[in-house]
C-alpha atoms as a PDB file:
ATOM      1  CA  MET A   1      25.691 -54.328 -43.237  1.00  0.00           C
ATOM      2  CA  PRO A   2      25.924 -52.817 -46.687  1.00  0.00           C
ATOM      3  CA  PRO A   3      26.486 -49.006 -47.009  1.00  0.00           C
ATOM      4  CA  VAL A   4      23.274 -46.922 -47.491  1.00  0.00           C
ATOM      5  CA  PRO A   5      23.256 -45.582 -51.036  1.00  0.00           C
ATOM      6  CA  GLY A   6      24.188 -41.861 -51.269  1.00  0.00           C
ATOM      7  CA  SER A   7      25.886 -41.901 -47.858  1.00  0.00           C
ATOM      8  CA  GLY A   8      29.274 -40.960 -49.413  1.00  0.00           C
ATOM      9  CA  LEU A   9      27.633 -37.972 -51.140  1.00  0.00           C
ATOM     10  CA  ALA A  10      26.026 -36.832 -47.947  1.00  0.00           C
ATOM     11  CA  LYS A  11      29.427 -37.064 -46.154  1.00  0.00           C
ATOM     12  CA  GLY A  12      31.061 -35.015 -48.868  1.00  0.00           C
ATOM     13  CA  LEU A  13      28.455 -32.330 -48.794  1.00  0.00           C
ATOM     14  CA  ALA A  14      28.748 -32.190 -45.028  1.00  0.00           C
ATOM     15  CA  VAL A  15      32.486 -31.494 -45.375  1.00  0.00           C
ATOM     16  CA  THR A  16      31.831 -28.829 -47.909  1.00  0.00           C
ATOM     17  CA  LEU A  17      29.294 -27.120 -45.713  1.00  0.00           C
ATOM     18  CA  ARG A  18      31.666 -27.223 -42.718  1.00  0.00           C
ATOM     19  CA  THR A  19      34.505 -25.644 -44.729  1.00  0.00           C
ATOM     20  CA  MET A  20      32.234 -23.058 -46.272  1.00  0.00           C
ATOM     21  CA  THR A  21      31.523 -21.589 -42.890  1.00  0.00           C
ATOM     22  CA  ARG A  22      35.150 -21.238 -41.802  1.00  0.00           C
ATOM     23  CA  LYS A  23      37.168 -18.050 -42.303  1.00  0.00           C
ATOM     24  CA  THR A  24      39.599 -18.314 -45.156  1.00  0.00           C
ATOM     25  CA  VAL A  25      43.202 -18.091 -44.566  1.00  0.00           C
ATOM     26  CA  THR A  26      44.268 -17.596 -48.220  1.00  0.00           C
ATOM     27  CA  GLU A  27      46.406 -14.508 -48.843  1.00  0.00           C
ATOM     28  CA  GLN A  28      45.890 -12.823 -52.229  1.00  0.00           C
ATOM     29  CA  TYR A  29      49.545 -12.783 -53.304  1.00  0.00           C
ATOM     30  CA  PRO A  30      50.881 -10.601 -55.031  1.00  0.00           C
ATOM     31  CA  ASP A  31      48.183  -8.049 -54.188  1.00  0.00           C
ATOM     32  CA  ALA A  32      48.790  -8.566 -50.484  1.00  0.00           C
ATOM     33  CA  GLN A  33      52.400  -8.975 -49.677  1.00  0.00           C
ATOM     34  CA  PRO A  34      53.129 -11.574 -46.845  1.00  0.00           C
ATOM     35  CA  GLU A  35      54.570 -10.417 -43.497  1.00  0.00           C
ATOM     36  CA  LEU A  36      57.815 -12.333 -43.202  1.00  0.00           C
ATOM     37  CA  PRO A  37      59.829 -13.033 -40.079  1.00  0.00           C
ATOM     38  CA  PRO A  38      62.821 -10.565 -39.820  1.00  0.00           C
ATOM     39  CA  ARG A  39      65.465 -13.176 -40.563  1.00  0.00           C
ATOM     40  CA  THR A  40      63.714 -14.942 -43.405  1.00  0.00           C
ATOM     41  CA  ARG A  41      65.816 -17.053 -45.804  1.00  0.00           C
ATOM     42  CA  GLY A  42      65.386 -15.705 -49.275  1.00  0.00           C
ATOM     43  CA  VAL A  43      68.298 -15.092 -51.536  1.00  0.00           C
ATOM     44  CA  ILE A  44      71.985 -14.923 -50.573  1.00  0.00           C
ATOM     45  CA  GLY A  45      73.803 -11.615 -50.826  1.00  0.00           C
ATOM     46  CA  LEU A  46      77.592 -11.147 -51.267  1.00  0.00           C
ATOM     47  CA  PHE A  47      79.619  -8.526 -49.371  1.00  0.00           C
ATOM     48  CA  GLU A  48      82.479  -8.814 -51.819  1.00  0.00           C
ATOM     49  CA  GLU A  49      84.896  -6.609 -49.739  1.00  0.00           C
ATOM     50  CA  ASN A  50      84.979  -9.319 -47.088  1.00  0.00           C
ATOM     51  CA  CYS A  51      85.563 -12.222 -49.456  1.00  0.00           C
ATOM     52  CA  THR A  52      89.126 -13.591 -49.367  1.00  0.00           C
ATOM     53  CA  VAL A  53      88.491 -16.326 -51.899  1.00  0.00           C
ATOM     54  CA  CYS A  54      89.115 -19.076 -49.272  1.00  0.00           C
ATOM     55  CA  MET A  55      86.651 -21.322 -51.192  1.00  0.00           C
ATOM     56  CA  LEU A  56      85.147 -22.718 -47.954  1.00  0.00           C
ATOM     57  CA  CYS A  57      81.587 -21.934 -49.175  1.00  0.00           C
ATOM     58  CA  ALA A  58      82.080 -23.766 -52.422  1.00  0.00           C
ATOM     59  CA  ARG A  59      83.746 -26.714 -50.787  1.00  0.00           C
ATOM     60  CA  GLU A  60      81.044 -27.066 -48.105  1.00  0.00           C
ATOM     61  CA  CYS A  61      77.981 -26.599 -50.394  1.00  0.00           C
ATOM     62  CA  PRO A  62      76.167 -29.972 -50.698  1.00  0.00           C
ATOM     63  CA  ASP A  63      74.756 -28.983 -54.054  1.00  0.00           C
ATOM     64  CA  TRP A  64      77.940 -27.537 -55.653  1.00  0.00           C
ATOM     65  CA  CYS A  65      75.998 -24.628 -56.748  1.00  0.00           C
ATOM     66  CA  ILE A  66      78.627 -21.903 -55.890  1.00  0.00           C
ATOM     67  CA  TYR A  67      81.137 -21.131 -58.578  1.00  0.00           C
ATOM     68  CA  ILE A  68      84.415 -19.205 -57.717  1.00  0.00           C
ATOM     69  CA  ASP A  69      87.218 -18.133 -60.048  1.00  0.00           C
ATOM     70  CA  SER A  70      90.231 -16.251 -58.789  1.00  0.00           C
ATOM     71  CA  HIS A  71      93.850 -15.482 -59.538  1.00  0.00           C
ATOM     72  CA  LYS A  72      96.875 -14.601 -57.408  1.00  0.00           C
ATOM     73  CA  GLU A  73      98.512 -11.089 -57.368  1.00  0.00           C
ATOM     74  CA  THR A  74     101.783 -10.121 -55.846  1.00  0.00           C
ATOM     75  CA  VAL A  75     101.541  -7.461 -53.155  1.00  0.00           C
ATOM     76  CA  PRO A  76     104.737  -5.419 -52.673  1.00  0.00           C
ATOM     77  CA  ALA A  77     106.518  -5.439 -49.196  1.00  0.00           C
ATOM     78  CA  ALA A  78     104.767  -3.280 -46.583  1.00  0.00           C
ATOM     79  CA  ALA A  79     108.117  -2.157 -45.133  1.00  0.00           C
ATOM     80  CA  PRO A  80     111.575  -1.814 -46.643  1.00  0.00           C
ATOM     81  CA  GLY A  81     113.417  -5.078 -46.441  1.00  0.00           C
ATOM     82  CA  GLY A  82     110.197  -7.001 -46.184  1.00  0.00           C
ATOM     83  CA  ARG A  83     109.074  -9.667 -48.565  1.00  0.00           C
ATOM     84  CA  GLU A  84     106.404  -9.644 -51.166  1.00  0.00           C
ATOM     85  CA  ARG A  85     103.219 -11.442 -50.492  1.00  0.00           C
ATOM     86  CA  SER A  86     100.565 -13.007 -52.727  1.00  0.00           C
ATOM     87  CA  ARG A  87      96.874 -12.678 -52.318  1.00  0.00           C
ATOM     88  CA  ASN A  88      93.798 -14.083 -54.087  1.00  0.00           C
ATOM     89  CA  VAL A  89      91.792 -11.749 -56.139  1.00  0.00           C
ATOM     90  CA  LEU A  90      88.077 -12.614 -56.944  1.00  0.00           C
ATOM     91  CA  ASP A  91      87.298 -12.923 -60.567  1.00  0.00           C
ATOM     92  CA  ARG A  92      84.045 -14.716 -60.419  1.00  0.00           C
ATOM     93  CA  PHE A  93      81.544 -15.491 -57.705  1.00  0.00           C
ATOM     94  CA  ALA A  94      78.249 -16.952 -58.796  1.00  0.00           C
ATOM     95  CA  ILE A  95      75.467 -18.973 -57.137  1.00  0.00           C
ATOM     96  CA  ASP A  96      73.085 -21.081 -59.186  1.00  0.00           C
ATOM     97  CA  PHE A  97      69.685 -20.700 -57.358  1.00  0.00           C
ATOM     98  CA  ALA A  98      68.246 -23.379 -59.696  1.00  0.00           C
ATOM     99  CA  LEU A  99      70.356 -25.838 -57.733  1.00  0.00           C
ATOM    100  CA  CYS A 100      70.581 -24.149 -54.309  1.00  0.00           C
ATOM    101  CA  MET A 101      68.521 -25.783 -51.544  1.00  0.00           C
ATOM    102  CA  TYR A 102      68.824 -22.772 -49.119  1.00  0.00           C
ATOM    103  CA  CYS A 103      70.446 -24.761 -46.362  1.00  0.00           C
ATOM    104  CA  GLY A 104      72.650 -21.858 -45.323  1.00  0.00           C
ATOM    105  CA  ILE A 105      75.805 -23.947 -44.848  1.00  0.00           C
ATOM    106  CA  CYS A 106      77.809 -21.446 -47.088  1.00  0.00           C
ATOM    107  CA  ILE A 107      76.760 -18.639 -44.787  1.00  0.00           C
ATOM    108  CA  GLU A 108      77.595 -20.434 -41.718  1.00  0.00           C
ATOM    109  CA  VAL A 109      81.105 -21.545 -42.764  1.00  0.00           C
ATOM    110  CA  CYS A 110      82.237 -18.191 -44.189  1.00  0.00           C
ATOM    111  CA  PRO A 111      84.932 -17.062 -41.737  1.00  0.00           C
ATOM    112  CA  PHE A 112      84.914 -13.398 -42.956  1.00  0.00           C
ATOM    113  CA  ASP A 113      81.104 -12.702 -43.097  1.00  0.00           C
ATOM    114  CA  ALA A 114      80.922 -12.223 -46.890  1.00  0.00           C
ATOM    115  CA  LEU A 115      77.638 -14.047 -47.351  1.00  0.00           C
ATOM    116  CA  PHE A 116      74.240 -13.077 -45.825  1.00  0.00           C
ATOM    117  CA  TRP A 117      70.593 -14.034 -45.998  1.00  0.00           C
ATOM    118  CA  SER A 118      68.323 -11.499 -47.731  1.00  0.00           C
ATOM    119  CA  PRO A 119      64.594 -11.887 -47.078  1.00  0.00           C
ATOM    120  CA  GLU A 120      63.968 -11.075 -50.800  1.00  0.00           C
ATOM    121  CA  PHE A 121      62.198 -13.999 -52.277  1.00  0.00           C
ATOM    122  CA  GLU A 122      60.705 -12.585 -55.576  1.00  0.00           C
ATOM    123  CA  TYR A 123      63.464 -13.338 -58.072  1.00  0.00           C
ATOM    124  CA  ALA A 124      61.738 -15.633 -60.457  1.00  0.00           C
ATOM    125  CA  GLU A 125      63.002 -15.833 -64.046  1.00  0.00           C
ATOM    126  CA  THR A 126      61.525 -16.974 -67.236  1.00  0.00           C
ATOM    127  CA  ASP A 127      64.713 -18.821 -68.242  1.00  0.00           C
ATOM    128  CA  ILE A 128      66.398 -21.173 -65.786  1.00  0.00           C
ATOM    129  CA  ARG A 129      69.840 -20.092 -66.983  1.00  0.00           C
ATOM    130  CA  ASP A 130      69.026 -16.670 -65.475  1.00  0.00           C
ATOM    131  CA  LEU A 131      68.907 -18.103 -62.016  1.00  0.00           C
ATOM    132  CA  THR A 132      72.604 -18.146 -61.886  1.00  0.00           C
ATOM    133  CA  HIS A 133      73.453 -14.874 -60.155  1.00  0.00           C
ATOM    134  CA  GLU A 134      76.899 -13.464 -60.747  1.00  0.00           C
ATOM    135  CA  ARG A 135      78.725 -11.345 -58.182  1.00  0.00           C
ATOM    136  CA  ASP A 136      77.211  -7.962 -59.466  1.00  0.00           C
ATOM    137  CA  LYS A 137      73.677  -9.361 -58.873  1.00  0.00           C
ATOM    138  CA  LEU A 138      74.720 -10.839 -55.532  1.00  0.00           C
ATOM    139  CA  ARG A 139      76.149  -7.582 -54.453  1.00  0.00           C
ATOM    140  CA  GLU A 140      72.799  -5.918 -55.210  1.00  0.00           C
ATOM    141  CA  TRP A 141      70.953  -8.198 -52.845  1.00  0.00           C
ATOM    142  CA  MET A 142      73.054  -6.757 -49.943  1.00  0.00           C
ATOM    143  CA  TRP A 143      70.839  -3.690 -49.989  1.00  0.00           C
ATOM    144  CA  THR A 144      67.960  -5.837 -48.761  1.00  0.00           C
ATOM    145  CA  VAL A 145      69.769  -7.559 -45.921  1.00  0.00           C
ATOM    146  CA  PRO A 146      68.327  -6.383 -42.583  1.00  0.00           C
ATOM    147  CA  ALA A 147      70.641  -5.052 -39.859  1.00  0.00           C
ATOM    148  CA  PRO A 148      71.684  -7.584 -37.248  1.00  0.00           C
ATOM    149  CA  PRO A 149      69.502  -7.634 -34.146  1.00  0.00           C
ATOM    150  CA  ALA A 150      70.544  -5.300 -31.431  1.00  0.00           C
ATOM    151  CA  LEU A 151      72.582  -6.692 -28.541  1.00  0.00           C
ATOM    152  CA  ASP A 152      70.941  -7.472 -25.212  1.00  0.00           C
ATOM    153  CA  PRO A 153      71.514  -4.313 -23.102  1.00  0.00           C
ATOM    154  CA  GLY A 154      72.679  -6.465 -20.305  1.00  0.00           C
ATOM    155  CA  ALA A 155      75.035  -8.414 -22.488  1.00  0.00           C
ATOM    156  CA  GLU A 156      78.768  -8.195 -22.121  1.00  0.00           C
ATOM    157  CA  GLU A 157      80.615  -6.308 -24.781  1.00  0.00           C
ATOM    158  CA  PRO A 158      82.304  -8.590 -27.305  1.00  0.00           C
ATOM    159  CA  LYS A 159      86.161  -8.858 -26.528  1.00  0.00           C
ATOM    160  CA  GLU A 160      86.984  -7.800 -30.040  1.00  0.00           C
ATOM    161  CA  LEU A 161      85.076  -4.553 -29.651  1.00  0.00           C
ATOM    162  CA  ALA A 162      86.687  -3.997 -26.219  1.00  0.00           C
ATOM    163  CA  ALA A 163      90.166  -4.535 -27.605  1.00  0.00           C
ATOM    164  CA  ALA A 164      89.574  -2.258 -30.600  1.00  0.00           C
ATOM    165  CA  ARG A 165      88.216   0.420 -28.194  1.00  0.00           C
ATOM    166  CA  LYS A 166      91.142   0.117 -25.912  1.00  0.00           C
ATOM    167  CA  ALA A 167      93.625   0.334 -28.884  1.00  0.00           C
ATOM    168  CA  ALA A 168      91.758   3.448 -30.181  1.00  0.00           C
ATOM    169  CA  ASP A 169      91.718   5.163 -26.773  1.00  0.00           C
ATOM    170  CA  ARG A 170      95.508   4.437 -26.520  1.00  0.00           C
ATOM    171  CA  LEU A 171      96.231   5.928 -29.922  1.00  0.00           C
ATOM    172  CA  ALA A 172      94.149   8.972 -29.131  1.00  0.00           C
ATOM    173  CA  ALA A 173      96.001   9.525 -25.851  1.00  0.00           C
ATOM    174  CA  GLN A 174      99.283   9.234 -27.702  1.00  0.00           C
ATOM    175  CA  GLN A 175      98.111  11.740 -30.353  1.00  0.00           C
ATOM    176  CA  GLN A 176      97.053  14.221 -27.684  1.00  0.00           C
ATOM    177  CA  ALA A 177     100.451  13.750 -25.815  1.00  0.00           C
ATOM    178  CA  GLU A 178     102.197  14.402 -29.053  1.00  0.00           C
ATOM    179  CA  ASP A 179     100.105  17.478 -29.770  1.00  0.00           C
ATOM    180  CA  ARG A 180     100.811  18.837 -26.322  1.00  0.00           C
ATOM    181  CA  THR A 181     104.568  18.330 -26.606  1.00  0.00           C
ATOM    182  CA  GLY A 182     104.464  19.851 -30.167  1.00  0.00           C
ATOM    183  CA  GLN A 183     102.647  23.027 -28.729  1.00  0.00           C
ATOM    184  CA  GLU A 184     105.040  23.336 -25.817  1.00  0.00           C
ATOM    185  CA  ASP A 185     108.177  23.097 -28.162  1.00  0.00           C
ATOM    186  CA  GLY A 186     106.635  25.770 -30.501  1.00  0.00           C
ATOM    187  CA  SER A 187     105.786  28.333 -27.766  1.00  0.00           C
END
């Protein structure tokens, strides 16, 4: 049986009428800012003080969009008779967001928590070369990184915190004992 002439037009108009009666879900960005989940992946921030220039992030990056330059410095011995040590000093840390696919591997492999997700997503540029963010720009993104979620109140305290608290309490007790013996000797 041949199709009825104009049936395609009627089907199209039916779809149009059905859609016109539905509520729209379009958000008028940038006038209305979207509500993002708390741990949204936007841009990567660098906490430079934690970076030891281990290069794990650059080696594991599947896009090779992380550029790191460093040099070695000699650190004098901490105690007399000790030996000098060398340490890496960060000269350049840059991420090319034109290449980055936001997989988060660099953040996961960083053993010293130097890289973090920021929920900031509005960093468009008119020139693609400006999407390579150097360490100063990456450091600025750290202001937008949300605080980590609170621990579960019933959770066990991390062993690192427990050990640090125990060591601090021991040092405080030693300090109080030294203060008491100093006061007894002075009176």
